[in-house]
């Protein structure tokens, strides 16, 4: 009889343990579901990060010997921009570019602004669609080479951010950027940049990535 009562007691305790465990498990699941719901609600109500506007960028350049072209191509690649070469209607030969010869084309153009080169096509395709325009040229006689003048005077830069850059082995930027801005007459011009010769890839990339549009 005692053994029978003892057996009944063990069975009762085991049943009580199962009930307690079941209750505890149910409570844990409910708590996890509640926490998940709170997290989901918080995520849904959290402010979404603003999406940066996509700027359409053009790099326009005139290059006589290839130095400015090299800078322009690296800048365009870094900024995922379009490229436009500013091309004179009459291309320059090596003899034309000999600034030490007073009879050379560039010397005559320097002495007489009425001789300045006109362009094949001064306006890039879909120019009005660009938000940002980088304008590059070599330095000639301490200023940006005048073949870009036709590009600057025959296009409307209103509402565009414009960034000048120049290449030279010896001359600084000087007031080239200001003169370019004055010729254009429109646009929101930023401070320009001068690269020594072709510049280095790291230098050009760092400059392009640091531009504020």
N, C-alpha and C. Protein backbone atom coordinates (compact mmCIF):
# COMPACT_ATOMS: atom_id res chain seq x y z
N UNK A 1 0.83 -1.20 0.00
CA UNK A 1 0.00 0.00 0.00
C UNK A 1 0.86 1.25 0.00
N UNK A 2 1.88 1.22 0.84
CA UNK A 2 2.78 2.37 0.90
C UNK A 2 3.47 2.58 -0.45
N UNK A 3 3.84 1.47 -1.04
CA UNK A 3 4.49 1.61 -2.34
C UNK A 3 3.55 2.20 -3.37
N UNK A 4 2.28 1.77 -3.24
CA UNK A 4 1.28 2.30 -4.20
C UNK A 4 1.09 3.79 -4.02
N UNK A 5 1.01 4.24 -2.79
CA UNK A 5 0.85 5.68 -2.52
C UNK A 5 2.07 6.45 -2.99
N UNK A 6 3.24 5.81 -2.76
CA UNK A 6 4.47 6.48 -3.21
C UNK A 6 4.48 6.64 -4.72
N UNK A 7 3.99 5.59 -5.41
CA UNK A 7 3.94 5.66 -6.87
C UNK A 7 2.99 6.74 -7.33
N UNK A 8 1.83 6.87 -6.68
CA UNK A 8 0.87 7.92 -7.02
C UNK A 8 1.48 9.31 -6.83
N UNK A 9 2.26 9.45 -5.75
CA UNK A 9 2.89 10.75 -5.47
C UNK A 9 3.88 11.11 -6.55
N UNK A 10 4.67 10.13 -7.01
CA UNK A 10 5.67 10.40 -8.05
C UNK A 10 4.99 10.79 -9.34
N UNK A 11 3.90 10.08 -9.67
CA UNK A 11 3.16 10.41 -10.90
C UNK A 11 2.58 11.81 -10.83
N UNK A 12 2.05 12.19 -9.68
CA UNK A 12 1.46 13.54 -9.52
C UNK A 12 2.52 14.62 -9.68
N UNK A 13 3.69 14.39 -9.09
CA UNK A 13 4.77 15.37 -9.20
C UNK A 13 5.24 15.50 -10.65
N UNK A 14 5.31 14.39 -11.35
CA UNK A 14 5.75 14.42 -12.75
C UNK A 14 4.76 15.19 -13.60
N UNK A 15 3.46 14.96 -13.34
CA UNK A 15 2.42 15.67 -14.09
C UNK A 15 2.49 17.16 -13.83
N UNK A 16 2.71 17.52 -12.56
CA UNK A 16 2.82 18.94 -12.20
C UNK A 16 4.01 19.58 -12.90
N UNK A 17 5.12 18.85 -13.03
CA UNK A 17 6.31 19.36 -13.70
C UNK A 17 6.05 19.61 -15.18
N UNK A 18 5.32 18.71 -15.82
CA UNK A 18 5.01 18.88 -17.24
C UNK A 18 4.15 20.10 -17.48
N UNK A 19 3.17 20.31 -16.62
CA UNK A 19 2.29 21.48 -16.75
C UNK A 19 3.08 22.77 -16.59
N UNK A 20 3.97 22.78 -15.59
CA UNK A 20 4.77 23.98 -15.35
C UNK A 20 5.68 24.29 -16.53
N UNK A 21 6.30 23.24 -17.09
CA UNK A 21 7.19 23.43 -18.24
C UNK A 21 6.43 23.95 -19.44
N UNK A 22 5.21 23.38 -19.63
CA UNK A 22 4.40 23.83 -20.78
C UNK A 22 4.02 25.28 -20.64
N UNK A 23 3.67 25.69 -19.45
CA UNK A 23 3.30 27.10 -19.22
C UNK A 23 4.49 28.01 -19.46
N UNK A 24 5.66 27.58 -18.97
CA UNK A 24 6.86 28.38 -19.15
C UNK A 24 7.21 28.53 -20.60
N UNK A 25 7.10 27.46 -21.41
CA UNK A 25 7.42 27.52 -22.82
C UNK A 25 6.48 28.45 -23.55
N UNK A 26 5.20 28.40 -23.22
CA UNK A 26 4.22 29.26 -23.88
C UNK A 26 4.52 30.71 -23.60
N UNK A 27 4.92 31.01 -22.38
CA UNK A 27 5.23 32.39 -22.01
C UNK A 27 6.42 32.90 -22.78
N UNK A 28 7.45 32.10 -22.98
CA UNK A 28 8.65 32.51 -23.70
C UNK A 28 8.34 32.80 -25.15
N UNK A 29 7.52 31.97 -25.78
CA UNK A 29 7.15 32.17 -27.18
C UNK A 29 6.36 33.44 -27.36
N UNK A 30 5.44 33.69 -26.46
CA UNK A 30 4.62 34.90 -26.53
C UNK A 30 5.49 36.13 -26.38
N UNK A 31 6.47 36.05 -25.45
CA UNK A 31 7.36 37.19 -25.23
C UNK A 31 8.20 37.47 -26.46
N UNK A 32 8.74 36.42 -27.13
CA UNK A 32 9.54 36.59 -28.33
C UNK A 32 8.73 37.20 -29.46
N UNK A 33 7.48 36.74 -29.61
CA UNK A 33 6.62 37.28 -30.66
C UNK A 33 6.33 38.74 -30.41
N UNK A 34 6.11 39.07 -29.12
CA UNK A 34 5.82 40.46 -28.77
C UNK A 34 7.01 41.36 -29.09
N UNK A 35 8.23 40.90 -28.74
CA UNK A 35 9.44 41.68 -29.00
C UNK A 35 9.66 41.87 -30.49
N UNK A 36 9.40 40.80 -31.28
CA UNK A 36 9.56 40.89 -32.73
C UNK A 36 8.60 41.91 -33.31
N UNK A 37 7.36 41.92 -32.79
CA UNK A 37 6.36 42.87 -33.28
C UNK A 37 6.79 44.30 -32.99
N UNK A 38 7.35 44.52 -31.79
CA UNK A 38 7.80 45.86 -31.40
C UNK A 38 8.93 46.31 -32.32
N UNK A 39 9.88 45.39 -32.59
CA UNK A 39 11.01 45.73 -33.46
C UNK A 39 10.54 46.05 -34.88
N UNK A 40 9.59 45.25 -35.38
CA UNK A 40 9.07 45.48 -36.73
C UNK A 40 8.38 46.82 -36.82
N UNK A 41 7.59 47.15 -35.78
CA UNK A 41 6.89 48.43 -35.75
C UNK A 41 7.87 49.59 -35.69
N UNK A 42 8.93 49.44 -34.89
CA UNK A 42 9.94 50.50 -34.76
C UNK A 42 10.67 50.70 -36.09
N UNK A 43 10.98 49.61 -36.78
CA UNK A 43 11.68 49.72 -38.06
C UNK A 43 10.81 50.41 -39.09
N UNK A 44 9.50 50.10 -39.04
CA UNK A 44 8.59 50.70 -40.01
C UNK A 44 8.43 52.19 -39.79
N UNK A 45 8.47 52.61 -38.51
CA UNK A 45 8.27 54.02 -38.20
C UNK A 45 9.55 54.84 -38.24
N UNK A 46 10.72 54.17 -38.33
CA UNK A 46 12.01 54.89 -38.35
C UNK A 46 12.12 55.68 -39.64
N UNK A 47 12.67 56.90 -39.58
CA UNK A 47 12.81 57.71 -40.79
C UNK A 47 13.78 57.07 -41.77
N UNK A 48 13.43 57.09 -43.03
CA UNK A 48 14.28 56.54 -44.08
C UNK A 48 15.38 57.54 -44.42
N UNK A 49 16.63 57.08 -44.69
CA UNK A 49 17.70 58.00 -45.08
C UNK A 49 17.37 58.65 -46.41
N UNK A 50 17.71 59.93 -46.52
CA UNK A 50 17.42 60.67 -47.76
C UNK A 50 18.26 60.11 -48.90
N UNK A 51 17.67 60.02 -50.07
CA UNK A 51 18.38 59.55 -51.26
C UNK A 51 19.04 60.73 -51.95
N UNK A 52 20.36 60.67 -52.13
CA UNK A 52 21.08 61.78 -52.75
C UNK A 52 20.65 61.93 -54.21
N UNK A 53 20.48 63.16 -54.65
CA UNK A 53 20.07 63.42 -56.02
C UNK A 53 21.21 63.08 -56.97
N UNK A 54 20.86 62.54 -58.09
CA UNK A 54 21.85 62.13 -59.08
C UNK A 54 22.15 63.30 -59.99
N UNK A 55 23.38 63.78 -59.96
CA UNK A 55 23.79 64.91 -60.79
C UNK A 55 24.31 64.39 -62.13
N UNK A 56 23.91 65.05 -63.19
CA UNK A 56 24.42 64.71 -64.51
C UNK A 56 25.61 65.63 -64.79
N UNK A 57 26.76 65.02 -65.06
CA UNK A 57 28.03 65.77 -65.11
C UNK A 57 28.66 65.65 -66.50
N UNK A 58 29.21 66.77 -66.95
CA UNK A 58 29.95 66.82 -68.22
C UNK A 58 31.36 67.34 -67.96
N UNK A 59 32.35 66.69 -68.55
CA UNK A 59 33.72 67.19 -68.53
C UNK A 59 34.06 67.64 -69.94
N UNK A 60 34.16 68.95 -70.15
CA UNK A 60 34.49 69.52 -71.46
C UNK A 60 35.93 70.03 -71.41
N UNK A 61 36.71 69.73 -72.45
CA UNK A 61 38.12 70.10 -72.39
C UNK A 61 38.67 70.40 -73.79
N UNK A 62 39.67 71.27 -73.81
CA UNK A 62 40.52 71.46 -74.98
C UNK A 62 41.91 71.00 -74.59
N UNK A 63 42.52 70.20 -75.44
CA UNK A 63 43.86 69.70 -75.15
C UNK A 63 44.73 69.84 -76.39
N UNK A 64 45.86 70.50 -76.25
CA UNK A 64 46.75 70.71 -77.39
C UNK A 64 47.77 69.58 -77.53
N UNK A 65 48.31 69.10 -76.40
CA UNK A 65 49.37 68.09 -76.45
C UNK A 65 49.00 66.78 -75.74
N UNK A 66 47.80 66.71 -75.19
CA UNK A 66 47.36 65.49 -74.53
C UNK A 66 47.33 65.56 -73.02
N UNK A 67 47.96 66.55 -72.41
CA UNK A 67 47.99 66.65 -70.95
C UNK A 67 46.60 66.91 -70.37
N UNK A 68 45.91 67.88 -70.92
CA UNK A 68 44.57 68.21 -70.41
C UNK A 68 43.61 67.07 -70.68
N UNK A 69 43.77 66.42 -71.81
CA UNK A 69 42.92 65.26 -72.13
C UNK A 69 43.07 64.17 -71.08
N UNK A 70 44.30 63.90 -70.65
CA UNK A 70 44.55 62.86 -69.66
C UNK A 70 43.85 63.19 -68.34
N UNK A 71 43.92 64.44 -67.93
CA UNK A 71 43.25 64.86 -66.69
C UNK A 71 41.73 64.73 -66.85
N UNK A 72 41.22 65.18 -67.98
CA UNK A 72 39.78 65.14 -68.24
C UNK A 72 39.24 63.72 -68.23
N UNK A 73 39.97 62.81 -68.83
CA UNK A 73 39.51 61.42 -68.90
C UNK A 73 39.47 60.77 -67.52
N UNK A 74 40.49 61.04 -66.70
CA UNK A 74 40.50 60.49 -65.34
C UNK A 74 39.39 61.09 -64.49
N UNK A 75 39.18 62.39 -64.61
CA UNK A 75 38.11 63.05 -63.85
C UNK A 75 36.74 62.51 -64.27
N UNK A 76 36.54 62.34 -65.56
CA UNK A 76 35.25 61.83 -66.05
C UNK A 76 35.00 60.41 -65.57
N UNK A 77 36.04 59.59 -65.59
CA UNK A 77 35.90 58.22 -65.12
C UNK A 77 35.58 58.18 -63.63
N UNK A 78 36.23 59.04 -62.86
CA UNK A 78 36.00 59.09 -61.42
C UNK A 78 34.59 59.55 -61.09
N UNK A 79 34.09 60.51 -61.84
CA UNK A 79 32.78 61.10 -61.57
C UNK A 79 31.64 60.44 -62.36
N UNK A 80 31.97 59.44 -63.18
CA UNK A 80 30.97 58.80 -64.06
C UNK A 80 30.30 59.87 -64.92
N UNK A 81 31.13 60.72 -65.49
CA UNK A 81 30.64 61.85 -66.28
C UNK A 81 30.82 61.60 -67.77
N UNK A 82 30.12 62.42 -68.56
CA UNK A 82 30.31 62.39 -70.01
C UNK A 82 31.51 63.26 -70.38
N UNK A 83 32.13 62.96 -71.52
CA UNK A 83 33.27 63.71 -72.02
C UNK A 83 32.90 64.45 -73.29
N UNK A 84 33.41 65.68 -73.40
CA UNK A 84 33.22 66.44 -74.64
C UNK A 84 34.53 67.15 -74.95
N UNK A 85 35.09 66.86 -76.13
CA UNK A 85 36.33 67.52 -76.52
C UNK A 85 36.01 68.81 -77.27
N UNK A 86 36.57 69.91 -76.78
CA UNK A 86 36.41 71.21 -77.43
C UNK A 86 37.41 71.25 -78.60
N UNK A 87 36.88 71.21 -79.82
CA UNK A 87 37.73 71.02 -80.99
C UNK A 87 37.69 72.23 -81.92
N UNK A 88 38.82 72.88 -82.16
CA UNK A 88 38.85 74.00 -83.11
C UNK A 88 38.46 73.55 -84.51
N UNK A 89 37.80 74.43 -85.23
CA UNK A 89 37.43 74.12 -86.61
C UNK A 89 38.67 73.82 -87.45
N UNK A 90 39.75 74.52 -87.15
CA UNK A 90 41.03 74.25 -87.81
C UNK A 90 41.99 73.71 -86.74
N UNK A 91 42.24 72.42 -86.73
CA UNK A 91 43.10 71.83 -85.71
C UNK A 91 44.50 72.45 -85.71
N UNK A 92 45.15 72.43 -84.55
CA UNK A 92 46.51 72.97 -84.41
C UNK A 92 47.54 71.90 -84.80
N UNK A 93 48.51 72.33 -85.57
CA UNK A 93 49.65 71.45 -85.88
C UNK A 93 50.75 71.72 -84.85
N UNK A 94 51.79 70.90 -84.87
CA UNK A 94 52.92 71.12 -83.97
C UNK A 94 53.57 72.49 -84.24
N UNK A 95 53.65 72.84 -85.52
CA UNK A 95 54.23 74.14 -85.87
C UNK A 95 53.35 75.27 -85.37
N UNK A 96 52.04 75.09 -85.43
CA UNK A 96 51.10 76.11 -84.94
C UNK A 96 51.31 76.39 -83.45
N UNK A 97 51.71 75.36 -82.73
CA UNK A 97 51.82 75.45 -81.27
C UNK A 97 53.17 75.94 -80.78
N UNK A 98 54.06 76.27 -81.68
CA UNK A 98 55.41 76.72 -81.29
C UNK A 98 55.36 78.18 -80.84
N UNK A 99 55.15 78.36 -79.53
CA UNK A 99 55.00 79.70 -78.98
C UNK A 99 56.31 80.52 -79.03
N UNK A 100 57.44 79.84 -79.27
CA UNK A 100 58.71 80.56 -79.36
C UNK A 100 58.91 81.22 -80.72
N UNK A 101 58.05 80.82 -81.66
CA UNK A 101 58.12 81.39 -83.02
C UNK A 101 57.07 82.50 -83.14
N UNK A 102 57.54 83.73 -83.33
CA UNK A 102 56.62 84.86 -83.42
C UNK A 102 55.68 84.76 -84.62
N UNK A 103 56.04 83.93 -85.59
CA UNK A 103 55.21 83.77 -86.79
C UNK A 103 54.25 82.58 -86.69
N UNK A 104 54.30 81.86 -85.56
CA UNK A 104 53.42 80.69 -85.41
C UNK A 104 51.98 81.12 -85.19
N UNK A 105 51.09 80.21 -85.39
CA UNK A 105 49.65 80.51 -85.25
C UNK A 105 49.31 80.98 -83.84
N UNK A 106 49.79 80.27 -82.81
CA UNK A 106 49.43 80.66 -81.45
C UNK A 106 50.00 82.03 -81.09
N UNK A 107 51.17 82.35 -81.61
CA UNK A 107 51.76 83.67 -81.34
C UNK A 107 50.92 84.77 -81.98
N UNK A 108 50.48 84.53 -83.21
CA UNK A 108 49.65 85.52 -83.88
C UNK A 108 48.29 85.66 -83.19
N UNK A 109 47.74 84.54 -82.75
CA UNK A 109 46.45 84.59 -82.04
C UNK A 109 46.58 85.30 -80.71
N UNK A 110 47.71 85.09 -80.06
CA UNK A 110 47.93 85.75 -78.78
C UNK A 110 48.02 87.26 -78.96
N UNK A 111 48.66 87.70 -80.02
CA UNK A 111 48.84 89.13 -80.27
C UNK A 111 47.59 89.79 -80.85
N UNK A 112 46.71 88.99 -81.44
CA UNK A 112 45.49 89.54 -82.05
C UNK A 112 44.29 88.66 -81.68
N UNK A 113 43.52 89.05 -80.67
CA UNK A 113 42.37 88.25 -80.24
C UNK A 113 41.35 87.99 -81.34
N UNK A 114 41.34 88.84 -82.38
CA UNK A 114 40.40 88.61 -83.49
C UNK A 114 40.73 87.34 -84.27
N UNK A 115 41.94 86.82 -84.06
CA UNK A 115 42.35 85.59 -84.73
C UNK A 115 41.98 84.34 -83.93
N UNK A 116 41.46 84.51 -82.73
CA UNK A 116 41.19 83.36 -81.87
C UNK A 116 40.35 82.31 -82.57
N UNK A 117 40.67 81.05 -82.31
CA UNK A 117 40.06 79.93 -83.02
C UNK A 117 38.58 79.79 -82.71
N UNK A 118 37.80 79.51 -83.75
CA UNK A 118 36.41 79.11 -83.58
C UNK A 118 36.34 77.59 -83.54
N UNK A 119 35.23 77.08 -83.02
CA UNK A 119 35.12 75.64 -82.83
C UNK A 119 34.29 74.96 -83.90
N UNK A 120 34.54 73.68 -84.08
CA UNK A 120 33.71 72.88 -84.99
C UNK A 120 32.26 72.91 -84.52
N UNK A 121 32.08 72.66 -83.25
CA UNK A 121 30.74 72.67 -82.65
C UNK A 121 30.89 73.10 -81.20
N UNK A 122 30.51 74.33 -80.87
CA UNK A 122 30.74 74.82 -79.50
C UNK A 122 29.78 74.25 -78.46
N UNK A 123 28.68 73.67 -78.89
CA UNK A 123 27.67 73.20 -77.93
C UNK A 123 27.59 71.68 -77.91
N UNK A 124 27.86 71.04 -76.77
CA UNK A 124 27.76 69.59 -76.65
C UNK A 124 26.31 69.13 -76.82
N UNK A 125 26.08 67.90 -77.24
CA UNK A 125 24.73 67.37 -77.32
C UNK A 125 24.04 67.39 -75.95
N UNK A 126 22.78 67.81 -75.94
CA UNK A 126 21.97 67.82 -74.71
C UNK A 126 22.62 68.63 -73.59
N UNK A 127 23.27 69.72 -73.95
CA UNK A 127 24.00 70.51 -72.96
C UNK A 127 23.08 71.02 -71.84
N UNK A 128 21.85 71.34 -72.17
CA UNK A 128 20.93 71.90 -71.17
C UNK A 128 20.60 70.89 -70.07
N UNK A 129 20.83 69.60 -70.31
CA UNK A 129 20.46 68.58 -69.33
C UNK A 129 21.51 68.40 -68.23
N UNK A 130 22.67 69.01 -68.38
CA UNK A 130 23.75 68.80 -67.39
C UNK A 130 23.60 69.74 -66.19
N UNK A 131 23.85 69.16 -65.02
CA UNK A 131 23.81 69.94 -63.77
C UNK A 131 25.17 70.52 -63.43
N UNK A 132 26.22 69.80 -63.80
CA UNK A 132 27.60 70.18 -63.45
C UNK A 132 28.46 70.10 -64.71
N UNK A 133 29.29 71.12 -64.92
CA UNK A 133 30.20 71.12 -66.07
C UNK A 133 31.61 71.44 -65.58
N UNK A 134 32.55 70.55 -65.86
CA UNK A 134 33.97 70.81 -65.62
C UNK A 134 34.57 71.28 -66.94
N UNK A 135 35.32 72.38 -66.91
CA UNK A 135 35.89 72.94 -68.12
C UNK A 135 37.41 72.98 -67.98
N UNK A 136 38.10 72.28 -68.90
CA UNK A 136 39.55 72.18 -68.79
C UNK A 136 40.28 72.70 -70.00
N UNK A 137 41.49 73.24 -69.76
CA UNK A 137 42.33 73.77 -70.84
C UNK A 137 43.77 73.88 -70.35
N UNK A 138 44.73 73.88 -71.27
CA UNK A 138 46.12 74.17 -70.88
C UNK A 138 46.29 75.67 -70.64
N UNK A 139 47.37 76.02 -69.97
CA UNK A 139 47.71 77.43 -69.78
C UNK A 139 48.57 77.90 -70.95
N UNK A 140 48.13 78.97 -71.59
CA UNK A 140 48.91 79.63 -72.64
C UNK A 140 49.12 81.08 -72.23
N UNK A 141 50.33 81.56 -72.21
CA UNK A 141 50.61 82.94 -71.86
C UNK A 141 49.91 83.33 -70.54
N UNK A 142 50.04 82.47 -69.54
CA UNK A 142 49.55 82.73 -68.18
C UNK A 142 48.02 82.79 -68.08
N UNK A 143 47.31 82.22 -69.04
CA UNK A 143 45.85 82.16 -68.96
C UNK A 143 45.36 80.89 -69.66
N UNK A 144 44.10 80.54 -69.39
CA UNK A 144 43.54 79.36 -70.04
C UNK A 144 43.52 79.56 -71.55
N UNK A 145 43.95 78.54 -72.28
CA UNK A 145 44.06 78.64 -73.74
C UNK A 145 42.74 79.11 -74.36
N UNK A 146 42.83 80.06 -75.27
CA UNK A 146 41.65 80.71 -75.82
C UNK A 146 40.76 79.85 -76.71
N UNK A 147 41.17 78.67 -77.19
CA UNK A 147 40.20 77.86 -77.93
C UNK A 147 38.95 77.51 -77.12
N UNK A 148 39.01 77.63 -75.78
CA UNK A 148 37.80 77.37 -74.99
C UNK A 148 36.86 78.58 -74.97
N UNK A 149 37.33 79.74 -75.44
CA UNK A 149 36.51 80.96 -75.35
C UNK A 149 35.19 80.82 -76.10
N UNK A 150 35.24 80.19 -77.27
CA UNK A 150 34.04 80.00 -78.07
C UNK A 150 33.04 79.13 -77.32
N UNK A 151 33.55 78.13 -76.62
CA UNK A 151 32.70 77.25 -75.81
C UNK A 151 32.04 78.02 -74.67
N UNK A 152 32.81 78.90 -74.03
CA UNK A 152 32.30 79.65 -72.89
C UNK A 152 31.27 80.70 -73.28
N UNK A 153 31.50 81.37 -74.39
CA UNK A 153 30.62 82.48 -74.77
C UNK A 153 29.37 82.03 -75.51
N UNK A 154 29.38 80.82 -76.07
CA UNK A 154 28.24 80.39 -76.87
C UNK A 154 27.33 79.39 -76.18
N UNK A 155 27.55 79.18 -74.89
CA UNK A 155 26.69 78.27 -74.12
C UNK A 155 26.11 78.98 -72.90
N UNK A 156 24.94 78.54 -72.49
CA UNK A 156 24.27 79.12 -71.33
C UNK A 156 24.49 78.20 -70.13
N UNK A 157 25.20 78.71 -69.13
CA UNK A 157 25.53 77.93 -67.93
C UNK A 157 24.58 78.23 -66.77
N UNK A 158 23.51 78.92 -67.02
CA UNK A 158 22.57 79.29 -65.96
C UNK A 158 22.10 78.05 -65.20
N UNK A 159 22.19 78.10 -63.87
CA UNK A 159 21.74 76.99 -63.04
C UNK A 159 22.72 75.84 -62.93
N UNK A 160 23.83 75.92 -63.62
CA UNK A 160 24.81 74.84 -63.57
C UNK A 160 25.97 75.18 -62.63
N UNK A 161 26.50 74.16 -61.98
CA UNK A 161 27.75 74.32 -61.24
C UNK A 161 28.89 74.12 -62.23
N UNK A 162 29.82 75.07 -62.26
CA UNK A 162 30.91 75.01 -63.23
C UNK A 162 32.25 75.00 -62.49
N UNK A 163 33.10 74.05 -62.85
CA UNK A 163 34.40 73.90 -62.19
C UNK A 163 35.51 73.96 -63.23
N UNK A 164 36.35 75.00 -63.21
CA UNK A 164 37.45 75.07 -64.17
C UNK A 164 38.68 74.29 -63.69
N UNK A 165 39.44 73.77 -64.63
CA UNK A 165 40.73 73.17 -64.29
C UNK A 165 41.69 73.42 -65.46
N UNK A 166 42.96 73.55 -65.13
CA UNK A 166 43.98 73.84 -66.14
C UNK A 166 45.19 72.94 -65.93
N UNK A 167 46.00 72.84 -66.97
CA UNK A 167 47.24 72.08 -66.88
C UNK A 167 48.41 72.96 -67.31
N UNK A 168 49.51 72.83 -66.59
CA UNK A 168 50.71 73.62 -66.91
C UNK A 168 51.89 73.03 -66.14
N UNK A 169 53.05 73.06 -66.76
CA UNK A 169 54.26 72.60 -66.07
C UNK A 169 54.88 73.69 -65.21
N UNK A 170 54.52 74.94 -65.47
CA UNK A 170 55.17 76.03 -64.73
C UNK A 170 54.20 77.07 -64.18
N UNK A 171 53.19 77.45 -64.95
CA UNK A 171 52.29 78.53 -64.52
C UNK A 171 51.26 78.05 -63.52
N UNK A 172 50.92 78.89 -62.53
CA UNK A 172 49.85 78.56 -61.59
C UNK A 172 48.49 78.83 -62.22
N UNK A 173 47.45 78.53 -61.48
CA UNK A 173 46.09 78.81 -61.97
C UNK A 173 45.89 80.30 -62.17
N UNK A 174 46.42 81.10 -61.26
CA UNK A 174 46.27 82.55 -61.36
C UNK A 174 44.81 82.96 -61.38
N UNK A 175 44.48 83.90 -62.25
CA UNK A 175 43.09 84.33 -62.34
C UNK A 175 42.39 83.72 -63.56
N UNK A 176 42.91 82.58 -64.04
CA UNK A 176 42.32 81.94 -65.21
C UNK A 176 40.86 81.57 -64.97
N UNK A 177 40.57 81.04 -63.79
CA UNK A 177 39.19 80.66 -63.48
C UNK A 177 38.26 81.85 -63.50
N UNK A 178 38.71 82.98 -62.96
CA UNK A 178 37.89 84.19 -62.94
C UNK A 178 37.65 84.72 -64.35
N UNK A 179 38.67 84.64 -65.20
CA UNK A 179 38.51 85.09 -66.58
C UNK A 179 37.53 84.20 -67.34
N UNK A 180 37.60 82.90 -67.07
CA UNK A 180 36.66 81.97 -67.70
C UNK A 180 35.23 82.27 -67.25
N UNK A 181 35.07 82.52 -65.98
CA UNK A 181 33.74 82.86 -65.44
C UNK A 181 33.20 84.13 -66.08
N UNK A 182 34.07 85.13 -66.23
CA UNK A 182 33.65 86.40 -66.84
C UNK A 182 33.22 86.21 -68.29
N UNK A 183 33.94 85.36 -69.01
CA UNK A 183 33.59 85.10 -70.41
C UNK A 183 32.24 84.39 -70.50
N UNK A 184 32.02 83.43 -69.62
CA UNK A 184 30.75 82.68 -69.65
C UNK A 184 29.58 83.58 -69.27
N UNK A 185 29.77 84.38 -68.22
CA UNK A 185 28.72 85.31 -67.80
C UNK A 185 27.59 84.66 -67.03
N UNK A 186 27.49 83.36 -67.03
CA UNK A 186 26.44 82.65 -66.30
C UNK A 186 27.03 81.44 -65.61
N UNK A 187 26.25 80.85 -64.71
CA UNK A 187 26.70 79.66 -64.00
C UNK A 187 27.19 79.95 -62.60
N UNK A 188 27.19 78.93 -61.77
CA UNK A 188 27.69 79.03 -60.40
C UNK A 188 29.11 78.43 -60.38
N UNK A 189 30.09 79.31 -60.49
CA UNK A 189 31.47 78.86 -60.66
C UNK A 189 32.15 78.58 -59.33
N UNK A 190 32.86 77.46 -59.29
CA UNK A 190 33.66 77.11 -58.12
C UNK A 190 35.13 77.44 -58.37
N UNK A 191 35.91 77.35 -57.31
CA UNK A 191 37.34 77.62 -57.43
C UNK A 191 37.98 76.57 -58.34
N UNK A 192 38.90 76.99 -59.17
CA UNK A 192 39.53 76.08 -60.13
C UNK A 192 40.69 75.30 -59.54
N UNK A 193 41.25 74.44 -60.39
CA UNK A 193 42.36 73.59 -59.99
C UNK A 193 43.41 73.56 -61.10
N UNK A 194 44.67 73.63 -60.72
CA UNK A 194 45.76 73.52 -61.69
C UNK A 194 46.51 72.23 -61.44
N UNK A 195 46.75 71.46 -62.50
CA UNK A 195 47.52 70.23 -62.43
C UNK A 195 48.85 70.44 -63.14
N UNK A 196 49.91 69.95 -62.55
CA UNK A 196 51.22 70.05 -63.17
C UNK A 196 51.32 68.99 -64.26
N UNK A 197 51.39 69.45 -65.50
CA UNK A 197 51.41 68.52 -66.62
C UNK A 197 50.15 67.68 -66.64
N UNK A 198 50.32 66.38 -66.74
CA UNK A 198 49.18 65.46 -66.77
C UNK A 198 48.66 65.14 -65.38
N UNK A 199 49.36 65.61 -64.35
CA UNK A 199 48.97 65.27 -63.00
C UNK A 199 49.13 63.77 -62.74
N UNK A 200 48.85 63.35 -61.53
CA UNK A 200 48.89 61.92 -61.22
C UNK A 200 47.46 61.43 -61.06
N UNK A 201 47.26 60.15 -61.29
CA UNK A 201 45.91 59.59 -61.18
C UNK A 201 45.35 59.79 -59.78
N UNK A 202 46.17 59.56 -58.76
CA UNK A 202 45.70 59.72 -57.38
C UNK A 202 45.28 61.16 -57.11
N UNK A 203 46.07 62.11 -57.61
CA UNK A 203 45.78 63.52 -57.39
C UNK A 203 44.47 63.92 -58.06
N UNK A 204 44.29 63.47 -59.29
CA UNK A 204 43.07 63.83 -60.04
C UNK A 204 41.84 63.20 -59.40
N UNK A 205 41.96 61.93 -59.02
CA UNK A 205 40.82 61.24 -58.40
C UNK A 205 40.44 61.89 -57.07
N UNK A 206 41.45 62.24 -56.26
CA UNK A 206 41.18 62.88 -54.98
C UNK A 206 40.48 64.23 -55.17
N UNK A 207 40.94 64.99 -56.16
CA UNK A 207 40.31 66.28 -56.45
C UNK A 207 38.87 66.10 -56.89
N UNK A 208 38.64 65.18 -57.83
CA UNK A 208 37.29 64.96 -58.35
C UNK A 208 36.34 64.49 -57.26
N UNK A 209 36.80 63.58 -56.41
CA UNK A 209 35.95 63.05 -55.35
C UNK A 209 35.65 64.11 -54.29
N UNK A 210 36.52 65.11 -54.18
CA UNK A 210 36.34 66.14 -53.17
C UNK A 210 35.47 67.31 -53.62
N UNK A 211 35.06 67.32 -54.88
CA UNK A 211 34.23 68.40 -55.38
C UNK A 211 32.86 68.36 -54.73
N UNK A 212 32.30 69.53 -54.45
CA UNK A 212 30.99 69.66 -53.81
C UNK A 212 29.99 70.21 -54.82
N UNK A 213 28.99 69.41 -55.12
CA UNK A 213 27.99 69.83 -56.10
C UNK A 213 26.66 70.16 -55.40
